Amino acid sequence: MKAKGRCPICGRPPQPAQLPFCSRRCANEDLGRWLTGAYRIAGEERAPGDAPPVEPGIEDE
C-alpha cells in the first residue's frame, strides 16, 4: 500500500503506521491542536444544555 499525500503538520511523506502523518510526533501535535481548540468546526454557538435545532419533518420516535 503506497501512502499518498503529505503529512498535514510538516509536509513530509506519511508513514503507513501513522497515516496520514509521518510520525507519532506529528500525530500528537495534531491531537494537541484539537484539544486546545486551535481547530474549530464552524457553527452557531449554543449555551450548554440548549437542545440542538430540530429539522422540519423529523419526528421523535
N, C-alpha and C. Protein backbone atom coordinates (compact mmCIF):
# COMPACT_ATOMS: atom_id res chain seq x y z
N MET A 1 0.84 -1.17 0.00
CA MET A 1 0.00 0.00 0.00
C MET A 1 0.89 1.24 0.00
N LYS A 2 0.73 2.06 -1.00
CA LYS A 2 1.54 3.26 -1.11
C LYS A 2 0.81 4.44 -0.47
N ALA A 3 1.51 5.16 0.38
CA ALA A 3 0.93 6.33 1.04
C ALA A 3 0.84 7.48 0.05
N LYS A 4 -0.26 8.19 0.05
CA LYS A 4 -0.46 9.34 -0.84
C LYS A 4 -0.48 10.61 -0.03
N GLY A 5 -0.15 11.72 -0.67
CA GLY A 5 -0.24 13.00 0.00
C GLY A 5 0.96 13.25 0.89
N ARG A 6 0.81 14.23 1.74
CA ARG A 6 1.87 14.65 2.64
C ARG A 6 1.31 14.78 4.05
N CYS A 7 2.20 14.73 5.03
CA CYS A 7 1.82 14.92 6.42
C CYS A 7 1.20 16.31 6.56
N PRO A 8 0.01 16.42 7.14
CA PRO A 8 -0.64 17.72 7.26
C PRO A 8 0.06 18.67 8.24
N ILE A 9 0.96 18.16 9.06
CA ILE A 9 1.66 19.00 10.03
C ILE A 9 2.97 19.54 9.46
N CYS A 10 3.82 18.66 8.92
CA CYS A 10 5.15 19.10 8.48
C CYS A 10 5.40 18.98 6.98
N GLY A 11 4.53 18.26 6.26
CA GLY A 11 4.69 18.15 4.82
C GLY A 11 5.56 17.00 4.33
N ARG A 12 6.11 16.20 5.23
CA ARG A 12 6.91 15.04 4.83
C ARG A 12 5.99 13.93 4.34
N PRO A 13 6.55 12.93 3.63
CA PRO A 13 5.73 11.79 3.22
C PRO A 13 5.22 11.03 4.44
N PRO A 14 3.96 10.61 4.43
CA PRO A 14 3.40 9.88 5.58
C PRO A 14 3.96 8.47 5.67
N GLN A 15 3.94 7.92 6.88
CA GLN A 15 4.36 6.54 7.13
C GLN A 15 3.11 5.69 7.32
N PRO A 16 3.06 4.49 6.76
CA PRO A 16 1.86 3.65 6.85
C PRO A 16 1.34 3.46 8.28
N ALA A 17 2.21 3.33 9.25
CA ALA A 17 1.77 3.10 10.63
C ALA A 17 1.16 4.35 11.26
N GLN A 18 1.38 5.52 10.68
CA GLN A 18 0.92 6.78 11.28
C GLN A 18 0.00 7.57 10.35
N LEU A 19 -0.50 6.98 9.30
CA LEU A 19 -1.32 7.72 8.32
C LEU A 19 -2.35 8.59 8.99
N PRO A 20 -2.57 9.79 8.56
CA PRO A 20 -1.93 10.47 7.43
C PRO A 20 -0.65 11.22 7.82
N PHE A 21 -0.11 10.93 8.99
CA PHE A 21 1.06 11.65 9.49
C PHE A 21 2.35 10.90 9.18
N CYS A 22 3.48 11.61 9.34
CA CYS A 22 4.79 10.99 9.08
C CYS A 22 5.38 10.37 10.34
N SER A 23 4.87 10.77 11.51
CA SER A 23 5.46 10.28 12.76
C SER A 23 4.45 10.41 13.90
N ARG A 24 4.76 9.78 14.99
CA ARG A 24 3.94 9.88 16.20
C ARG A 24 3.94 11.34 16.69
N ARG A 25 5.09 12.02 16.54
CA ARG A 25 5.19 13.41 16.98
C ARG A 25 4.17 14.29 16.25
N CYS A 26 4.08 14.13 14.94
CA CYS A 26 3.12 14.94 14.17
C CYS A 26 1.68 14.55 14.52
N ALA A 27 1.42 13.27 14.74
CA ALA A 27 0.08 12.84 15.14
C ALA A 27 -0.29 13.46 16.49
N ASN A 28 0.66 13.49 17.42
CA ASN A 28 0.40 14.10 18.73
C ASN A 28 0.23 15.61 18.62
N GLU A 29 0.97 16.25 17.74
CA GLU A 29 0.83 17.69 17.51
C GLU A 29 -0.59 18.00 17.02
N ASP A 30 -1.09 17.19 16.09
CA ASP A 30 -2.43 17.38 15.57
C ASP A 30 -3.48 17.19 16.67
N LEU A 31 -3.32 16.15 17.48
CA LEU A 31 -4.25 15.90 18.59
C LEU A 31 -4.23 17.08 19.56
N GLY A 32 -3.05 17.58 19.87
CA GLY A 32 -2.94 18.73 20.76
C GLY A 32 -3.67 19.95 20.22
N ARG A 33 -3.62 20.14 18.92
CA ARG A 33 -4.33 21.28 18.31
C ARG A 33 -5.84 21.13 18.49
N TRP A 34 -6.35 19.91 18.34
CA TRP A 34 -7.78 19.69 18.56
C TRP A 34 -8.15 19.93 20.03
N LEU A 35 -7.33 19.41 20.93
CA LEU A 35 -7.64 19.51 22.35
C LEU A 35 -7.57 20.93 22.89
N THR A 36 -6.72 21.77 22.31
CA THR A 36 -6.60 23.15 22.78
C THR A 36 -7.55 24.10 22.06
N GLY A 37 -8.30 23.59 21.08
CA GLY A 37 -9.26 24.43 20.37
C GLY A 37 -8.67 25.18 19.20
N ALA A 38 -7.45 24.84 18.78
CA ALA A 38 -6.85 25.51 17.62
C ALA A 38 -7.63 25.18 16.34
N TYR A 39 -8.18 23.98 16.27
CA TYR A 39 -9.04 23.59 15.16
C TYR A 39 -10.48 23.75 15.63
N ARG A 40 -11.30 24.32 14.79
CA ARG A 40 -12.71 24.50 15.15
C ARG A 40 -13.59 24.19 13.96
N ILE A 41 -14.77 23.71 14.25
CA ILE A 41 -15.77 23.47 13.22
C ILE A 41 -16.76 24.61 13.30
N ALA A 42 -16.99 25.27 12.16
CA ALA A 42 -17.88 26.42 12.13
C ALA A 42 -19.31 26.02 12.49
N GLY A 43 -19.99 26.90 13.19
CA GLY A 43 -21.38 26.67 13.56
C GLY A 43 -21.81 27.69 14.58
N GLU A 44 -23.09 27.70 14.87
CA GLU A 44 -23.61 28.63 15.86
C GLU A 44 -23.24 28.17 17.27
N GLU A 45 -22.86 29.12 18.11
CA GLU A 45 -22.57 28.77 19.50
C GLU A 45 -23.88 28.61 20.25
N ARG A 46 -23.91 27.61 21.13
CA ARG A 46 -25.09 27.38 21.97
C ARG A 46 -24.62 27.31 23.40
N ALA A 47 -25.49 27.69 24.28
CA ALA A 47 -25.20 27.57 25.71
C ALA A 47 -25.28 26.09 26.09
N PRO A 48 -24.47 25.65 27.05
CA PRO A 48 -24.57 24.26 27.50
C PRO A 48 -26.00 23.95 27.94
N GLY A 49 -26.51 22.83 27.51
CA GLY A 49 -27.87 22.44 27.88
C GLY A 49 -28.92 22.82 26.85
N ASP A 50 -28.58 23.72 25.92
CA ASP A 50 -29.53 24.06 24.86
C ASP A 50 -29.71 22.85 23.95
N ALA A 51 -30.94 22.60 23.57
CA ALA A 51 -31.22 21.49 22.67
C ALA A 51 -30.80 21.87 21.26
N PRO A 52 -30.30 20.91 20.49
CA PRO A 52 -29.96 21.21 19.09
C PRO A 52 -31.22 21.53 18.31
N PRO A 53 -31.12 22.32 17.23
CA PRO A 53 -32.30 22.65 16.44
C PRO A 53 -32.91 21.39 15.80
N VAL A 54 -34.21 21.38 15.70
CA VAL A 54 -34.94 20.25 15.12
C VAL A 54 -35.23 20.56 13.66
N GLU A 55 -34.93 19.61 12.78
CA GLU A 55 -35.19 19.80 11.36
C GLU A 55 -36.67 19.57 11.09
N PRO A 56 -37.27 20.41 10.26
CA PRO A 56 -38.69 20.21 9.93
C PRO A 56 -38.92 18.85 9.28
N GLY A 57 -39.98 18.19 9.65
CA GLY A 57 -40.34 16.90 9.08
C GLY A 57 -39.75 15.71 9.81
N ILE A 58 -38.91 15.96 10.78
CA ILE A 58 -38.35 14.85 11.56
C ILE A 58 -39.09 14.79 12.89
N GLU A 59 -39.71 13.65 13.15
CA GLU A 59 -40.47 13.49 14.37
C GLU A 59 -39.74 12.57 15.34
N ASP A 60 -39.98 12.78 16.62
CA ASP A 60 -39.39 11.90 17.64
C ASP A 60 -39.98 10.51 17.49
N GLU A 61 -39.15 9.52 17.70
CA GLU A 61 -39.63 8.13 17.59
C GLU A 61 -39.98 7.59 18.95
